[in-house]
Amino acid sequence: MVKDEEGQAAVLDRLLDLLVTAVLKTWFARQDASRPDWWRHQGDRVVDHALKLMHEQPAAQWTVDCLAQAAGTSRAAFARRFQELVGEPPMTFLKNWRMALAADLLMQPDQTVSTVAEQIGYATPYAFSAAFKRVRGISPQAHRKASGQTEAVGTG
């Protein structure tokens, strides 16, 4: 019988993420003609850099201007390129990325709506809750309840 160690599930989740990413990168590199649209940005230094920034710093107050400047291109060229390669505008991508992160964070029993809001860049838990419901169709509390988690103490 294998004993579950503390944190083992989180480590296994990250290892699985890495494995799937490595497999997809290898497969898509060989399948140029049939790779999906959402993978087309790979190898584009401008879009890759912006995506990296948004993934690493989701709470930053990103704007199209700020991302374009960081990627070393004009606002218009950046927005057009991002839309073409990712399939949605940069701010739509960022909003959806933040909500995906929030959905994962809400599964953690030690996370409150307030701490999740702060981690993904919302000034208040109320603004975050409204955005979460608009994007995901349910409130953060309902998402947590549906996952079997209960609200952590000290929510806002």
C-alpha atoms as a PDB file:
ATOM      1  CA  MET A   1       0.000   0.000   0.000  1.00  0.00           C
ATOM      2  CA  VAL A   2       1.367   3.424  -0.975  1.00  0.00           C
ATOM      3  CA  LYS A   3       1.050   6.186   1.581  1.00  0.00           C
ATOM      4  CA  ASP A   4       0.044   9.642   0.291  1.00  0.00           C
ATOM      5  CA  GLU A   5       2.570  12.193   1.450  1.00  0.00           C
ATOM      6  CA  GLU A   6       1.644  15.813   2.129  1.00  0.00           C
ATOM      7  CA  GLY A   7       1.852  17.805  -1.099  1.00  0.00           C
ATOM      8  CA  GLN A   8       2.136  14.665  -3.241  1.00  0.00           C
ATOM      9  CA  ALA A   9      -0.968  15.490  -5.272  1.00  0.00           C
ATOM     10  CA  ALA A  10       0.322  18.967  -6.131  1.00  0.00           C
ATOM     11  CA  VAL A  11       3.692  17.593  -7.218  1.00  0.00           C
ATOM     12  CA  LEU A  12       2.069  14.883  -9.338  1.00  0.00           C
ATOM     13  CA  ASP A  13      -0.228  17.475 -10.949  1.00  0.00           C
ATOM     14  CA  ARG A  14       2.754  19.633 -11.944  1.00  0.00           C
ATOM     15  CA  LEU A  15       4.682  16.613 -13.242  1.00  0.00           C
ATOM     16  CA  LEU A  16       1.710  15.634 -15.361  1.00  0.00           C
ATOM     17  CA  ASP A  17       1.505  19.214 -16.689  1.00  0.00           C
ATOM     18  CA  LEU A  18       5.178  19.071 -17.672  1.00  0.00           C
ATOM     19  CA  LEU A  19       4.821  15.674 -19.314  1.00  0.00           C
ATOM     20  CA  VAL A  20       1.761  16.668 -21.340  1.00  0.00           C
ATOM     21  CA  THR A  21       3.442  19.917 -22.407  1.00  0.00           C
ATOM     22  CA  ALA A  22       6.594  18.092 -23.528  1.00  0.00           C
ATOM     23  CA  VAL A  23       4.595  15.519 -25.480  1.00  0.00           C
ATOM     24  CA  LEU A  24       2.453  18.184 -27.175  1.00  0.00           C
ATOM     25  CA  LYS A  25       5.474  20.308 -28.087  1.00  0.00           C
ATOM     26  CA  THR A  26       7.198  17.327 -29.674  1.00  0.00           C
ATOM     27  CA  TRP A  27       4.093  16.167 -31.512  1.00  0.00           C
ATOM     28  CA  PHE A  28       3.135  19.625 -32.811  1.00  0.00           C
ATOM     29  CA  ALA A  29       6.706  20.279 -33.969  1.00  0.00           C
ATOM     30  CA  ARG A  30       6.339  17.284 -36.285  1.00  0.00           C
ATOM     31  CA  GLN A  31       2.788  18.109 -37.390  1.00  0.00           C
ATOM     32  CA  ASP A  32       3.154  21.603 -38.862  1.00  0.00           C
ATOM     33  CA  ALA A  33       0.159  21.346 -41.204  1.00  0.00           C
ATOM     34  CA  SER A  34      -2.225  19.882 -38.641  1.00  0.00           C
ATOM     35  CA  ARG A  35      -1.288  21.737 -35.482  1.00  0.00           C
ATOM     36  CA  PRO A  36      -4.229  23.502 -33.802  1.00  0.00           C
ATOM     37  CA  ASP A  37      -4.709  27.263 -34.045  1.00  0.00           C
ATOM     38  CA  TRP A  38      -4.022  27.781 -30.340  1.00  0.00           C
ATOM     39  CA  TRP A  39      -0.511  26.386 -30.816  1.00  0.00           C
ATOM     40  CA  ARG A  40       0.465  28.690 -33.688  1.00  0.00           C
ATOM     41  CA  HIS A  41       2.067  31.296 -31.423  1.00  0.00           C
ATOM     42  CA  GLN A  42       4.920  28.913 -30.553  1.00  0.00           C
ATOM     43  CA  GLY A  43       8.170  30.342 -31.824  1.00  0.00           C
ATOM     44  CA  ASP A  44       6.828  33.885 -32.221  1.00  0.00           C
ATOM     45  CA  ARG A  45       9.069  35.901 -29.909  1.00  0.00           C
ATOM     46  CA  VAL A  46       6.605  38.798 -29.532  1.00  0.00           C
ATOM     47  CA  VAL A  47       3.549  36.735 -28.610  1.00  0.00           C
ATOM     48  CA  ASP A  48       5.565  34.186 -26.612  1.00  0.00           C
ATOM     49  CA  HIS A  49       7.092  36.985 -24.515  1.00  0.00           C
ATOM     50  CA  ALA A  50       3.695  38.539 -23.789  1.00  0.00           C
ATOM     51  CA  LEU A  51       2.195  35.159 -22.870  1.00  0.00           C
ATOM     52  CA  LYS A  52       5.131  34.438 -20.596  1.00  0.00           C
ATOM     53  CA  LEU A  53       4.606  37.745 -18.790  1.00  0.00           C
ATOM     54  CA  MET A  54       0.879  37.125 -18.352  1.00  0.00           C
ATOM     55  CA  HIS A  55       1.460  33.570 -17.128  1.00  0.00           C
ATOM     56  CA  GLU A  56       4.214  34.535 -14.691  1.00  0.00           C
ATOM     57  CA  GLN A  57       2.575  37.714 -13.398  1.00  0.00           C
ATOM     58  CA  PRO A  58      -1.196  37.327 -13.701  1.00  0.00           C
ATOM     59  CA  ALA A  59      -1.847  39.953 -11.014  1.00  0.00           C
ATOM     60  CA  ALA A  60       0.096  42.683 -12.838  1.00  0.00           C
ATOM     61  CA  GLN A  61      -2.020  45.509 -14.214  1.00  0.00           C
ATOM     62  CA  TRP A  62      -1.367  44.609 -17.849  1.00  0.00           C
ATOM     63  CA  THR A  63      -2.602  46.730 -20.732  1.00  0.00           C
ATOM     64  CA  VAL A  64      -2.173  46.172 -24.456  1.00  0.00           C
ATOM     65  CA  ASP A  65       0.243  49.133 -24.506  1.00  0.00           C
ATOM     66  CA  CYS A  66       2.299  47.714 -21.649  1.00  0.00           C
ATOM     67  CA  LEU A  67       2.504  44.235 -23.186  1.00  0.00           C
ATOM     68  CA  ALA A  68       3.367  45.639 -26.619  1.00  0.00           C
ATOM     69  CA  GLN A  69       6.142  47.743 -25.132  1.00  0.00           C
ATOM     70  CA  ALA A  70       7.513  44.771 -23.178  1.00  0.00           C
ATOM     71  CA  ALA A  71       7.431  42.673 -26.358  1.00  0.00           C
ATOM     72  CA  GLY A  72       9.178  45.399 -28.331  1.00  0.00           C
ATOM     73  CA  THR A  73       6.482  46.239 -30.852  1.00  0.00           C
ATOM     74  CA  SER A  74       3.758  48.795 -31.484  1.00  0.00           C
ATOM     75  CA  ARG A  75       0.378  48.484 -29.827  1.00  0.00           C
ATOM     76  CA  ALA A  76      -1.466  47.917 -33.122  1.00  0.00           C
ATOM     77  CA  ALA A  77       1.037  45.387 -34.459  1.00  0.00           C
ATOM     78  CA  PHE A  78       1.057  43.528 -31.155  1.00  0.00           C
ATOM     79  CA  ALA A  79      -2.740  43.374 -30.875  1.00  0.00           C
ATOM     80  CA  ARG A  80      -3.101  42.167 -34.486  1.00  0.00           C
ATOM     81  CA  ARG A  81      -0.351  39.562 -34.146  1.00  0.00           C
ATOM     82  CA  PHE A  82      -1.674  38.268 -30.817  1.00  0.00           C
ATOM     83  CA  GLN A  83      -5.203  37.956 -32.226  1.00  0.00           C
ATOM     84  CA  GLU A  84      -3.948  36.121 -35.326  1.00  0.00           C
ATOM     85  CA  LEU A  85      -1.745  33.663 -33.467  1.00  0.00           C
ATOM     86  CA  VAL A  86      -3.680  33.066 -30.237  1.00  0.00           C
ATOM     87  CA  GLY A  87      -7.183  33.464 -31.627  1.00  0.00           C
ATOM     88  CA  GLU A  88      -8.396  36.108 -29.203  1.00  0.00           C
ATOM     89  CA  PRO A  89      -7.380  39.622 -28.116  1.00  0.00           C
ATOM     90  CA  PRO A  90      -4.688  39.924 -25.421  1.00  0.00           C
ATOM     91  CA  MET A  91      -7.029  41.253 -22.728  1.00  0.00           C
ATOM     92  CA  THR A  92      -9.577  38.506 -23.397  1.00  0.00           C
ATOM     93  CA  PHE A  93      -6.820  35.933 -23.098  1.00  0.00           C
ATOM     94  CA  LEU A  94      -5.627  37.525 -19.831  1.00  0.00           C
ATOM     95  CA  LYS A  95      -9.146  37.576 -18.369  1.00  0.00           C
ATOM     96  CA  ASN A  96      -9.689  33.916 -19.241  1.00  0.00           C
ATOM     97  CA  TRP A  97      -6.238  32.967 -17.927  1.00  0.00           C
ATOM     98  CA  ARG A  98      -6.924  34.727 -14.624  1.00  0.00           C
ATOM     99  CA  MET A  99     -10.266  32.974 -14.252  1.00  0.00           C
ATOM    100  CA  ALA A 100      -8.720  29.569 -14.988  1.00  0.00           C
ATOM    101  CA  LEU A 101      -6.097  30.242 -12.314  1.00  0.00           C
ATOM    102  CA  ALA A 102      -8.788  31.426  -9.934  1.00  0.00           C
ATOM    103  CA  ALA A 103     -10.838  28.267 -10.495  1.00  0.00           C
ATOM    104  CA  ASP A 104      -7.777  26.179  -9.590  1.00  0.00           C
ATOM    105  CA  LEU A 105      -6.915  28.335  -6.567  1.00  0.00           C
ATOM    106  CA  LEU A 106     -10.476  28.112  -5.266  1.00  0.00           C
ATOM    107  CA  MET A 107     -10.001  24.343  -5.026  1.00  0.00           C
ATOM    108  CA  GLN A 108      -7.329  24.915  -2.367  1.00  0.00           C
ATOM    109  CA  PRO A 109      -8.887  24.800   1.106  1.00  0.00           C
ATOM    110  CA  ASP A 110      -6.508  27.462   2.446  1.00  0.00           C
ATOM    111  CA  GLN A 111      -7.444  30.037  -0.215  1.00  0.00           C
ATOM    112  CA  THR A 112     -10.167  32.603   0.380  1.00  0.00           C
ATOM    113  CA  VAL A 113     -12.023  34.589  -2.239  1.00  0.00           C
ATOM    114  CA  SER A 114     -10.041  37.616  -1.043  1.00  0.00           C
ATOM    115  CA  THR A 115      -6.640  35.939  -1.408  1.00  0.00           C
ATOM    116  CA  VAL A 116      -7.542  34.539  -4.828  1.00  0.00           C
ATOM    117  CA  ALA A 117      -8.719  37.976  -5.971  1.00  0.00           C
ATOM    118  CA  GLU A 118      -5.419  39.504  -4.877  1.00  0.00           C
ATOM    119  CA  GLN A 119      -3.320  36.773  -6.518  1.00  0.00           C
ATOM    120  CA  ILE A 120      -4.923  37.271  -9.912  1.00  0.00           C
ATOM    121  CA  GLY A 121      -5.003  41.068  -9.909  1.00  0.00           C
ATOM    122  CA  TYR A 122      -8.412  42.169  -8.671  1.00  0.00           C
ATOM    123  CA  ALA A 123      -8.602  45.108  -6.252  1.00  0.00           C
ATOM    124  CA  THR A 124     -11.552  43.697  -4.316  1.00  0.00           C
ATOM    125  CA  PRO A 125     -13.143  40.306  -3.775  1.00  0.00           C
ATOM    126  CA  TYR A 126     -16.421  41.810  -5.016  1.00  0.00           C
ATOM    127  CA  ALA A 127     -14.937  42.830  -8.379  1.00  0.00           C
ATOM    128  CA  PHE A 128     -13.345  39.389  -8.670  1.00  0.00           C
ATOM    129  CA  SER A 129     -16.586  37.584  -7.791  1.00  0.00           C
ATOM    130  CA  ALA A 130     -18.530  39.550 -10.402  1.00  0.00           C
ATOM    131  CA  ALA A 131     -15.893  38.858 -13.074  1.00  0.00           C
ATOM    132  CA  PHE A 132     -15.693  35.168 -12.146  1.00  0.00           C
ATOM    133  CA  LYS A 133     -19.462  34.784 -12.416  1.00  0.00           C
ATOM    134  CA  ARG A 134     -19.537  36.643 -15.749  1.00  0.00           C
ATOM    135  CA  VAL A 135     -16.797  34.423 -17.232  1.00  0.00           C
ATOM    136  CA  ARG A 136     -17.488  31.056 -15.590  1.00  0.00           C
ATOM    137  CA  GLY A 137     -21.263  31.301 -15.143  1.00  0.00           C
ATOM    138  CA  ILE A 138     -21.215  30.642 -11.384  1.00  0.00           C
ATOM    139  CA  SER A 139     -19.956  32.490  -8.341  1.00  0.00           C
ATOM    140  CA  PRO A 140     -16.614  31.600  -6.753  1.00  0.00           C
ATOM    141  CA  GLN A 141     -18.482  30.198  -3.753  1.00  0.00           C
ATOM    142  CA  ALA A 142     -20.680  28.019  -5.969  1.00  0.00           C
ATOM    143  CA  HIS A 143     -17.580  26.806  -7.850  1.00  0.00           C
ATOM    144  CA  ARG A 144     -15.917  25.905  -4.555  1.00  0.00           C
ATOM    145  CA  LYS A 145     -19.040  24.162  -3.292  1.00  0.00           C
ATOM    146  CA  ALA A 146     -19.428  22.200  -6.542  1.00  0.00           C
ATOM    147  CA  SER A 147     -15.860  20.974  -6.148  1.00  0.00           C
ATOM    148  CA  GLY A 148     -16.579  19.730  -2.627  1.00  0.00           C
ATOM    149  CA  GLN A 149     -14.456  22.411  -0.951  1.00  0.00           C
ATOM    150  CA  THR A 150     -15.731  24.608   1.830  1.00  0.00           C
ATOM    151  CA  GLU A 151     -14.952  28.281   2.180  1.00  0.00           C
ATOM    152  CA  ALA A 152     -11.749  29.056   4.065  1.00  0.00           C
ATOM    153  CA  VAL A 153     -11.967  31.201   7.193  1.00  0.00           C
ATOM    154  CA  GLY A 154     -11.453  34.906   6.640  1.00  0.00           C
ATOM    155  CA  THR A 155     -13.064  35.321   3.242  1.00  0.00           C
ATOM    156  CA  GLY A 156     -14.026  38.726   2.067  1.00  0.00           C
END
